[in-house]
Protein backbone atom coordinates (compact mmCIF):
# COMPACT_ATOMS: atom_id res chain seq x y z
CA MET A 1 7.92 18.36 76.44
CA GLU A 2 8.93 20.04 80.13
CA GLU A 3 6.13 17.97 81.49
CA ASP A 4 6.84 14.93 80.40
CA VAL A 5 10.32 14.98 81.38
CA ILE A 6 9.70 15.94 84.65
CA ASP A 7 6.82 13.07 85.18
CA GLN A 8 9.70 10.76 83.69
CA ILE A 9 12.38 12.58 86.31
CA MET A 10 9.77 12.06 89.74
CA GLN A 11 9.48 8.37 88.42
CA ILE A 12 13.19 7.79 89.47
CA LYS A 13 12.93 6.00 92.74
CA GLN A 14 15.19 8.30 94.96
CA ILE A 15 13.85 11.58 94.11
CA LYS A 16 11.70 13.51 96.19
CA GLY A 17 11.20 16.80 94.69
CA LEU A 18 12.54 19.20 91.75
CA ILE A 19 13.03 22.44 90.52
CA GLN A 20 13.57 23.09 86.64
CA THR A 21 14.47 26.76 85.75
CA ASN A 22 15.17 27.94 82.47
CA THR A 23 18.85 30.77 81.74
CA GLU A 24 17.26 33.29 83.31
CA GLY A 25 16.58 31.68 86.91
CA GLU A 26 12.99 31.59 86.33
CA ASP A 27 10.96 28.24 87.22
CA VAL A 28 9.31 26.49 84.26
CA ALA A 29 7.82 23.72 86.56
CA SER A 30 8.53 22.18 90.07
CA THR A 31 7.09 19.61 92.56
CA ILE A 32 8.67 21.46 95.43
CA GLU A 33 6.14 22.81 97.63
CA ASP A 34 9.14 24.51 100.19
CA GLU A 35 9.73 27.96 99.00
CA GLN A 36 12.94 28.43 100.68
CA LEU A 37 14.48 25.27 99.56
CA ALA A 38 13.03 26.35 95.66
CA HIS A 39 15.28 29.65 96.67
CA PHE A 40 17.75 27.93 97.54
CA MET A 41 18.25 25.51 94.16
CA ARG A 42 17.87 28.88 92.23
CA PHE A 43 20.73 30.66 94.18
CA LEU A 44 22.77 28.18 93.79
CA VAL A 45 22.19 28.08 90.05
CA GLY A 46 22.66 31.64 89.75
CA TYR A 47 25.51 32.08 91.53
CA ALA A 48 27.44 28.90 89.30
CA PRO A 49 29.11 31.33 87.12
CA LEU A 50 30.34 33.29 90.26
CA PHE A 51 31.94 29.82 91.25
CA GLU A 52 33.38 29.28 88.17
CA LYS A 53 35.10 32.32 87.68
CA THR A 54 36.12 33.34 91.27
CA ALA A 55 37.65 29.93 91.87
CA GLU A 56 38.46 29.13 88.11
CA LEU A 57 36.94 25.74 88.24
CA GLY A 58 35.71 25.93 85.00
CA ALA A 59 32.00 25.10 83.55
CA ILE A 60 30.06 23.91 86.52
CA ARG A 61 28.01 20.94 85.06
CA SER A 62 26.06 19.95 88.99
CA ILE A 63 26.59 21.17 92.74
CA ILE A 64 25.82 18.55 95.32
CA LEU A 65 25.06 19.11 98.83
CA THR A 66 25.26 16.14 101.10
CA SER A 67 23.76 15.58 104.46
CA ASN A 68 23.80 13.02 107.41
CA LYS A 69 20.18 13.61 107.13
CA ASN A 70 17.71 11.34 104.99
CA ASN A 71 17.99 13.94 101.99
CA ASN A 72 20.53 15.34 100.23
CA LEU A 73 20.37 18.52 97.02
CA GLY A 74 21.48 18.15 93.70
CA VAL A 75 21.57 21.59 91.07
CA PHE A 76 22.28 20.08 87.47
CA ILE A 77 22.84 22.95 85.22
CA GLY A 78 22.20 22.33 81.63
CA LYS A 79 22.38 24.84 78.37
CA GLU A 80 18.78 25.71 78.49
CA HIS A 81 17.62 24.70 81.68
CA SER A 82 18.85 23.61 84.88
CA LEU A 83 17.28 21.20 88.02
CA GLY A 84 17.42 21.09 91.52
CA VAL A 85 16.48 17.58 92.72
CA LEU A 86 15.80 16.67 96.25
CA PHE A 87 17.06 13.19 96.69
CA ALA A 88 17.35 10.52 99.10
CA ARG A 89 20.24 10.09 100.84
CA GLY A 90 21.31 6.39 100.13
CA CYS A 91 21.14 7.12 95.76
CA SER A 92 24.18 6.78 93.56
CA ILE A 93 25.32 10.36 92.62
CA LYS A 94 27.08 9.10 89.56
CA LYS A 95 23.71 7.18 88.73
CA LEU A 96 21.36 10.03 89.67
CA PHE A 97 23.99 12.44 87.36
CA SER A 98 23.83 10.51 84.18
CA GLN A 99 19.97 10.19 84.20
CA ILE A 100 20.01 14.04 84.70
CA LYS A 101 22.17 14.79 82.03
CA ALA A 102 20.03 12.71 79.92
CA TYR A 103 16.90 14.56 80.77
CA LEU A 104 18.18 17.68 80.51
CA ASN A 105 19.77 17.26 76.79
CA LYS A 106 16.09 16.08 75.98
CA LEU A 107 14.99 19.12 77.30
CA SER A 108 17.77 21.23 75.14
CA ILE A 109 16.42 19.14 72.47
CA GLY A 110 12.93 19.92 72.66
CA ASP A 111 13.88 23.80 72.62
CA ALA A 112 15.48 23.44 69.03
């Protein structure tokens, strides 16, 4: 199931790479070869609960880091899985979020 969803996500034109983690922060699948980048994405997923509590933000579903360079970084947090996504700067974040949310829902259904 995971490989099918990962393949579907990688078909999104603006996606450059992704890492999927489970609720323990362990890698399930990844297309990102840069270990420092993968580690940073896992770090963001792991610290989301601390951000929620400290800043009283409520449930965090995504963290987006934008750059003036070619790529941006997004971390999308689901119930059973999280996805770290490296994507092109010109990509619509709103459209990307809706697509990633749909894929995270597919992963959760596959876990049931």
